[in-house]
Protein backbone atom coordinates (compact mmCIF):
# COMPACT_ATOMS: atom_id res chain seq x y z
CA UNK A 1 9.58 -3.01 18.93
CA UNK A 2 7.27 -3.97 16.08
CA UNK A 3 7.57 -0.45 14.62
CA UNK A 4 11.35 -0.71 14.66
CA UNK A 5 11.18 -4.02 12.84
CA UNK A 6 8.97 -2.51 10.18
CA UNK A 7 11.35 0.39 9.65
CA UNK A 8 14.25 -2.05 9.33
CA UNK A 9 12.46 -4.11 6.70
CA UNK A 10 11.39 -1.08 4.69
CA UNK A 11 14.90 0.32 4.78
CA UNK A 12 16.12 -2.85 3.14
CA UNK A 13 13.95 -2.46 0.05
CA UNK A 14 15.73 -1.90 -3.24
CA UNK A 15 15.76 1.58 -4.70
CA UNK A 16 13.61 0.34 -7.55
CA UNK A 17 10.72 -0.22 -5.15
CA UNK A 18 9.98 3.46 -4.65
CA UNK A 19 8.11 3.79 -1.35
CA UNK A 20 4.54 5.04 -1.36
CA UNK A 21 2.91 2.76 1.17
CA UNK A 22 2.16 5.67 3.53
CA UNK A 23 0.57 7.87 0.88
CA UNK A 24 -2.97 7.11 2.15
CA UNK A 25 -1.95 7.02 5.81
CA UNK A 26 -5.41 7.55 7.32
CA UNK A 27 -6.79 4.51 5.50
CA UNK A 28 -3.74 2.47 6.45
CA UNK A 29 -3.95 3.40 10.14
CA UNK A 30 -7.68 2.70 10.32
CA UNK A 31 -7.21 -0.71 8.71
CA UNK A 32 -4.38 -1.54 11.09
CA UNK A 33 -6.62 -0.67 14.04
CA UNK A 34 -9.26 -3.09 12.78
CA UNK A 35 -6.68 -5.80 12.07
CA UNK A 36 -5.39 -5.61 15.63
CA UNK A 37 -8.80 -6.58 17.02
CA UNK A 38 -8.20 -10.14 15.83
CA UNK A 39 -5.17 -11.16 13.80
CA UNK A 40 -5.14 -14.96 13.44
CA UNK A 41 -2.67 -14.84 10.55
CA UNK A 42 -0.22 -12.90 12.74
CA UNK A 43 0.43 -10.30 10.06
CA UNK A 44 3.04 -7.84 11.32
CA UNK A 45 1.32 -4.69 10.07
CA UNK A 46 -1.17 -3.66 7.41
CA UNK A 47 1.55 -1.66 5.67
CA UNK A 48 3.13 -4.87 4.37
CA UNK A 49 0.06 -5.44 2.23
CA UNK A 50 0.96 -2.38 0.19
CA UNK A 51 4.53 -3.45 -0.57
CA UNK A 52 5.76 -5.43 -3.53
CA UNK A 53 6.05 -9.18 -3.08
CA UNK A 54 9.65 -8.99 -1.90
CA UNK A 55 8.93 -6.49 0.85
CA UNK A 56 5.61 -8.07 1.80
CA UNK A 57 7.26 -11.36 2.76
CA UNK A 58 8.95 -9.71 5.71
CA UNK A 59 5.68 -9.08 7.55
CA UNK A 60 3.22 -11.54 6.07
CA UNK A 61 2.90 -13.69 9.18
CA UNK A 62 1.52 -17.08 8.20
CA UNK A 63 0.39 -15.86 4.78
CA UNK A 64 2.45 -17.62 2.11
CA UNK A 65 0.67 -16.32 -0.99
CA UNK A 66 1.98 -12.77 -0.69
CA UNK A 67 0.16 -11.49 -3.75
CA UNK A 68 -2.98 -11.98 -1.65
CA UNK A 69 -1.61 -10.36 1.51
CA UNK A 70 -3.41 -7.08 0.85
CA UNK A 71 -6.69 -8.95 0.40
CA UNK A 72 -6.06 -11.06 3.51
CA UNK A 73 -5.52 -7.92 5.57
CA UNK A 74 -8.58 -6.17 4.20
CA UNK A 75 -10.69 -9.30 4.65
CA UNK A 76 -9.74 -9.77 8.29
CA UNK A 77 -10.09 -6.06 9.06
CA UNK A 78 -13.55 -6.06 7.47
CA UNK A 79 -14.57 -9.16 9.44
CA UNK A 80 -13.46 -7.53 12.68
CA UNK A 81 -15.18 -4.24 11.90
CA UNK A 82 -18.38 -6.02 10.93
CA UNK A 83 -18.37 -7.95 14.20
CA UNK A 84 -18.00 -4.63 16.02
CA UNK A 85 -20.79 -3.05 13.93
CA UNK A 86 -18.25 -0.41 12.87
CA UNK A 87 -19.28 1.01 9.50
CA UNK A 88 -16.27 3.33 9.33
CA UNK A 89 -13.97 0.40 10.01
CA UNK A 90 -15.61 -1.66 7.28
CA UNK A 91 -15.34 1.29 4.88
CA UNK A 92 -11.63 1.69 5.53
CA UNK A 93 -11.03 -2.02 5.03
CA UNK A 94 -12.78 -1.81 1.66
CA UNK A 95 -10.77 1.26 0.71
CA UNK A 96 -7.51 -0.38 1.80
CA UNK A 97 -8.21 -3.27 -0.56
CA UNK A 98 -8.42 -0.83 -3.47
CA UNK A 99 -5.11 0.97 -2.83
CA UNK A 100 -2.22 0.57 -5.25
CA UNK A 101 0.60 -1.74 -4.18
CA UNK A 102 4.23 -0.86 -4.77
CA UNK A 103 5.52 -2.26 -8.05
CA UNK A 104 8.78 -2.15 -9.91
CA UNK A 105 9.61 -0.65 -12.33
CA UNK A 106 7.46 2.38 -13.22
CA UNK A 107 4.57 1.03 -15.26
CA UNK A 108 4.67 -2.38 -13.63
CA UNK A 109 1.41 -3.98 -12.56
CA UNK A 110 0.92 -5.87 -9.31
CA UNK A 111 -0.34 -9.44 -9.54
CA UNK A 112 -4.02 -10.11 -9.03
CA UNK A 113 -4.88 -12.21 -5.99
CA UNK A 114 -5.94 -15.71 -7.02
CA UNK A 115 -7.86 -16.51 -3.84
CA UNK A 116 -11.47 -15.72 -2.92
CA UNK A 117 -12.00 -13.45 0.07
CA UNK A 118 -14.26 -14.59 2.89
CA UNK A 119 -16.32 -11.41 2.68
CA UNK A 120 -18.02 -10.90 -0.70
CA UNK A 121 -17.68 -7.14 -0.26
CA UNK A 122 -13.89 -7.51 -0.25
CA UNK A 123 -13.97 -10.10 -3.03
CA UNK A 124 -15.67 -7.55 -5.29
CA UNK A 125 -12.66 -5.22 -5.21
CA UNK A 126 -9.19 -5.29 -6.74
CA UNK A 127 -6.22 -3.01 -6.11
CA UNK A 128 -5.40 0.05 -8.20
CA UNK A 129 -2.62 -0.44 -10.70
CA UNK A 130 0.37 1.75 -11.51
CA UNK A 131 -1.04 4.69 -13.49
CA UNK A 132 1.69 4.25 -16.10
CA UNK A 133 0.75 0.62 -16.71
CA UNK A 134 -1.72 -0.65 -19.33
CA UNK A 135 -3.71 -2.17 -16.47
CA UNK A 136 -4.44 1.34 -15.15
CA UNK A 137 -7.30 1.44 -17.64
CA UNK A 138 -9.25 -0.57 -15.08
CA UNK A 139 -8.72 1.86 -12.19
CA UNK A 140 -11.96 3.73 -12.84
CA UNK A 141 -14.00 0.53 -12.66
CA UNK A 142 -12.23 -0.33 -9.41
CA UNK A 143 -13.45 2.96 -7.93
CA UNK A 144 -16.99 2.38 -9.19
CA UNK A 145 -17.03 -1.16 -7.78
CA UNK A 146 -15.74 0.17 -4.48
CA UNK A 147 -18.46 2.84 -4.43
CA UNK A 148 -21.06 0.10 -4.82
CA UNK A 149 -19.72 -1.78 -1.81
CA UNK A 150 -19.39 1.37 0.30
CA UNK A 151 -23.00 2.28 -0.36
CA UNK A 152 -24.07 -1.28 0.45
CA UNK A 153 -22.66 -1.03 3.99
CA UNK A 154 -24.12 2.42 4.60
CA UNK A 155 -20.95 4.44 3.99
CA UNK A 156 -20.46 7.41 1.67
CA UNK A 157 -19.81 5.94 -1.81
CA UNK A 158 -17.78 9.00 -2.78
CA UNK A 159 -15.08 7.88 -0.34
CA UNK A 160 -14.03 5.58 -3.17
CA UNK A 161 -12.44 8.56 -4.91
CA UNK A 162 -9.89 8.80 -2.09
CA UNK A 163 -8.31 5.50 -3.13
CA UNK A 164 -7.02 7.00 -6.36
CA UNK A 165 -3.31 6.97 -7.03
CA UNK A 166 -0.67 9.35 -8.41
CA UNK A 167 -0.03 10.89 -11.83
CA UNK A 168 1.63 8.46 -14.21
CA UNK A 169 5.41 8.31 -14.03
CA UNK A 170 7.81 7.92 -16.93
CA UNK A 171 8.41 4.42 -18.25
CA UNK A 172 12.11 3.65 -17.97
CA UNK A 173 12.76 6.10 -15.12
CA UNK A 174 15.84 4.56 -13.44
CA UNK A 175 14.83 5.93 -10.02
CA UNK A 176 11.52 4.09 -10.08
CA UNK A 177 9.98 7.07 -8.33
CA UNK A 178 7.36 8.30 -10.77
CA UNK A 179 5.29 11.02 -9.13
CA UNK A 180 4.85 9.81 -5.58
CA UNK A 181 5.13 10.72 -1.91
CA UNK A 182 5.62 8.67 1.23
CA UNK A 183 5.26 10.25 4.67
CA UNK A 184 4.33 8.17 7.71
CA UNK A 185 4.22 11.38 9.78
CA UNK A 186 1.29 12.75 7.78
CA UNK A 187 -1.77 11.28 9.55
CA UNK A 188 -4.13 12.05 6.68
CA UNK A 189 -1.93 11.00 3.80
CA UNK A 190 0.61 12.94 1.79
CA UNK A 191 -1.20 12.20 -1.46
CA UNK A 192 -3.96 14.47 -0.17
CA UNK A 193 -1.86 17.14 1.54
CA UNK A 194 0.31 17.54 -1.57
CA UNK A 195 -2.68 17.45 -3.94
CA UNK A 196 -1.17 14.59 -5.92
CA UNK A 197 -4.28 12.42 -5.99
CA UNK A 198 -5.62 11.75 -9.48
CA UNK A 199 -9.33 11.00 -9.23
CA UNK A 200 -10.40 8.07 -11.38
CA UNK A 201 -14.09 9.00 -11.29
CA UNK A 202 -16.17 12.03 -10.41
CA UNK A 203 -19.02 12.15 -7.92
CA UNK A 204 -21.39 12.52 -10.88
CA UNK A 205 -20.01 9.36 -12.49
CA UNK A 206 -20.38 7.48 -9.21
CA UNK A 207 -23.97 8.69 -8.84
CA UNK A 208 -24.75 7.60 -12.38
CA UNK A 209 -23.13 4.20 -11.81
CA UNK A 210 -25.07 3.64 -8.61
CA UNK A 211 -28.31 4.77 -10.25
CA UNK A 212 -27.83 2.21 -12.99
CA UNK A 213 -27.21 -0.53 -10.44
CA UNK A 214 -30.32 0.50 -8.52
CA UNK A 215 -32.39 0.28 -11.68
CA UNK A 216 -31.20 -3.28 -12.16
CA UNK A 217 -31.88 -4.15 -8.52
CA UNK A 218 -35.39 -2.69 -8.63
CA UNK A 219 -36.24 -4.60 -11.78
CA UNK A 220 -35.05 -7.86 -10.28
CA UNK A 221 -37.27 -7.31 -7.23
CA UNK A 222 -40.23 -6.41 -9.41
CA UNK A 223 -39.70 -9.44 -11.61
CA UNK A 224 -39.82 -11.66 -8.57
CA UNK A 225 -42.96 -9.98 -7.22
CA UNK A 226 -44.94 -9.34 -10.39
CA UNK A 227 -43.65 -11.95 -12.80
CA UNK A 228 -43.90 -9.65 -15.84
CA UNK A 229 -40.40 -10.46 -17.01
CA UNK A 230 -40.54 -9.33 -20.62
CA UNK A 231 -42.06 -5.90 -19.99
CA UNK A 232 -39.78 -5.06 -17.09
CA UNK A 233 -36.68 -6.25 -18.90
CA UNK A 234 -37.58 -4.10 -21.90
CA UNK A 235 -38.28 -1.09 -19.73
CA UNK A 236 -35.05 -1.53 -17.80
CA UNK A 237 -33.12 -1.68 -21.05
CA UNK A 238 -34.83 1.49 -22.29
CA UNK A 239 -34.04 3.30 -19.06
CA UNK A 240 -30.42 2.25 -18.97
CA UNK A 241 -29.75 2.97 -22.65
CA UNK A 242 -31.29 6.41 -22.31
CA UNK A 243 -29.30 7.10 -19.18
CA UNK A 244 -26.10 6.07 -20.93
CA UNK A 245 -26.83 8.53 -23.72
CA UNK A 246 -27.41 11.22 -21.12
CA UNK A 247 -24.09 10.36 -19.48
CA UNK A 248 -22.30 10.91 -22.78
CA UNK A 249 -23.86 14.35 -22.91
CA UNK A 250 -22.46 15.22 -19.50
CA UNK A 251 -25.84 15.22 -17.80
CA UNK A 252 -25.57 12.05 -15.77
CA UNK A 253 -26.83 13.49 -12.49
CA UNK A 254 -30.04 15.07 -13.74
CA UNK A 255 -31.13 12.60 -16.38
CA UNK A 256 -29.87 9.64 -14.40
CA UNK A 257 -32.22 10.73 -11.62
CA UNK A 258 -35.12 11.10 -14.04
CA UNK A 259 -34.82 7.65 -15.52
CA UNK A 260 -33.98 5.94 -12.25
CA UNK A 261 -37.13 7.33 -10.66
CA UNK A 262 -39.11 6.23 -13.68
CA UNK A 263 -37.72 2.72 -13.50
CA UNK A 264 -38.46 2.48 -9.79
CA UNK A 265 -42.05 3.49 -10.39
CA UNK A 266 -42.30 1.10 -13.31
CA UNK A 267 -41.01 -1.73 -11.15
CA UNK A 268 -44.06 -1.24 -8.95
CA UNK A 269 -46.39 -0.99 -11.98
CA UNK A 270 -45.41 -3.58 -14.61
CA UNK A 271 -48.38 -2.68 -16.81
CA UNK A 272 -46.95 -0.83 -19.83
CA UNK A 273 -49.30 2.15 -19.61
CA UNK A 274 -48.79 2.54 -15.87
CA UNK A 275 -45.06 2.27 -16.37
CA UNK A 276 -45.01 5.09 -18.89
CA UNK A 277 -47.19 7.24 -16.66
CA UNK A 278 -44.73 6.58 -13.86
CA UNK A 279 -41.90 7.82 -16.06
CA UNK A 280 -43.94 10.92 -16.86
CA UNK A 281 -44.48 11.49 -13.16
CA UNK A 282 -40.74 11.31 -12.67
CA UNK A 283 -40.48 14.56 -14.63
CA UNK A 284 -41.26 16.45 -11.44
CA UNK A 285 -39.51 19.29 -9.67
CA UNK A 286 -37.11 17.05 -7.80
CA UNK A 287 -36.14 15.02 -10.86
CA UNK A 288 -35.74 17.79 -13.43
CA UNK A 289 -34.57 20.86 -11.58
CA UNK A 290 -30.93 19.79 -11.88
CA UNK A 291 -31.27 19.28 -15.63
CA UNK A 292 -32.30 22.91 -16.05
CA UNK A 293 -29.77 24.38 -13.62
CA UNK A 294 -27.62 25.99 -16.30
CA UNK A 295 -28.41 28.70 -18.86
CA UNK A 296 -31.07 27.87 -21.42
CA UNK A 297 -33.64 26.48 -18.99
CA UNK A 298 -36.39 25.97 -21.55
CA UNK A 299 -34.09 24.35 -24.11
CA UNK A 300 -32.61 21.96 -21.58
CA UNK A 301 -36.02 21.10 -20.17
CA UNK A 302 -37.36 20.49 -23.65
CA UNK A 303 -34.46 18.18 -24.49
CA UNK A 304 -34.88 16.18 -21.30
CA UNK A 305 -38.64 15.83 -21.67
CA UNK A 306 -38.59 14.99 -25.37
CA UNK A 307 -35.98 12.31 -24.89
CA UNK A 308 -38.03 10.84 -22.05
CA UNK A 309 -41.19 10.85 -24.16
CA UNK A 310 -39.43 9.19 -27.08
CA UNK A 311 -37.78 6.51 -24.98
CA UNK A 312 -40.99 5.85 -23.06
CA UNK A 313 -42.93 5.40 -26.31
CA UNK A 314 -40.31 2.90 -27.41
CA UNK A 315 -40.96 0.77 -24.33
CA UNK A 316 -44.11 -0.60 -25.94
CA UNK A 317 -46.83 1.01 -23.85
CA UNK A 318 -49.92 2.87 -24.98
CA UNK A 319 -50.02 5.84 -22.62
CA UNK A 320 -49.52 9.27 -24.17
CA UNK A 321 -47.06 11.61 -22.46
CA UNK A 322 -47.84 15.33 -22.70
CA UNK A 323 -44.61 16.91 -23.91
CA UNK A 324 -45.69 20.53 -23.41
CA UNK A 325 -46.95 19.81 -19.93
CA UNK A 326 -43.67 18.17 -19.02
CA UNK A 327 -41.61 21.10 -20.33
CA UNK A 328 -43.79 23.61 -18.51
CA UNK A 329 -43.49 21.68 -15.26
CA UNK A 330 -39.73 21.50 -15.63
CA UNK A 331 -39.36 25.23 -16.32
CA UNK A 332 -41.69 26.14 -13.47
CA UNK A 333 -39.73 23.95 -11.09
CA UNK A 334 -36.49 25.63 -12.09
CA UNK A 335 -37.91 29.13 -11.73
CA UNK A 336 -39.26 28.29 -8.30
CA UNK A 337 -35.95 26.80 -7.13
């Protein structure tokens, strides 16, 4: 009976609210399953959280602030999954929170929830915005923030990519359709089966983002344990700036690994010389083999090592890094791979 009621409500939506609430059906179904474990707000179905405000009112239960319905659903589903020690359930609740809500017209942005979620993991995430809207510029950061939370609960951070939305529609399109699909009979999600998903971030970008966050986390821990605030802060800045430059060169995976490992080692050894030696040690087979994976092994190794040496020298230590030794180790590691 509840399903029939949902169909009736959805059928009453205006044509301008082009349906897409079933585009990520697997995430929707998983979130609904978690919501049903305990639903104190008596929300009719998780699908209502993906509708525009007008449609959402029909199944919001006791929720009166409908612009927060999606967050309320995700928050309760996450709470239930956490109580059940269900990592997959928690992951789907996080992903549900990041999905785009229906908006009208094409290029319209959904309102941001003005309440704070109970779970900080949910509170850290916002919904995707219509790809034709100016607010869509923030969709990439939404995916990166989601990846952070997914990793924190022990889930695959790359699942965040699956919350991406459709290609941008045409502003002024009288149908309001844009480029969308909506198929409740597709258990995976029609956005995937029709290859319409536009990824906001790559796995490499997610890895680089998470590496940068880990650097910051390691430095905070080291500061608390060692108390050498100035040196560690300077080193962390050097590592992150260098990694950002590497990202711009399209080498985020390899160089991000190098400098993250160096920062981790430095966090354990706040002495400047030890810190630089730790960065040198990070130029090992595991850290540099990816940097030399393409043609021009020696040139790429040389670039990676020289940049590391330069940035390490700038950190204020006194240790001398052997450039030739680092290049040779890098090349040897690649040849042995």
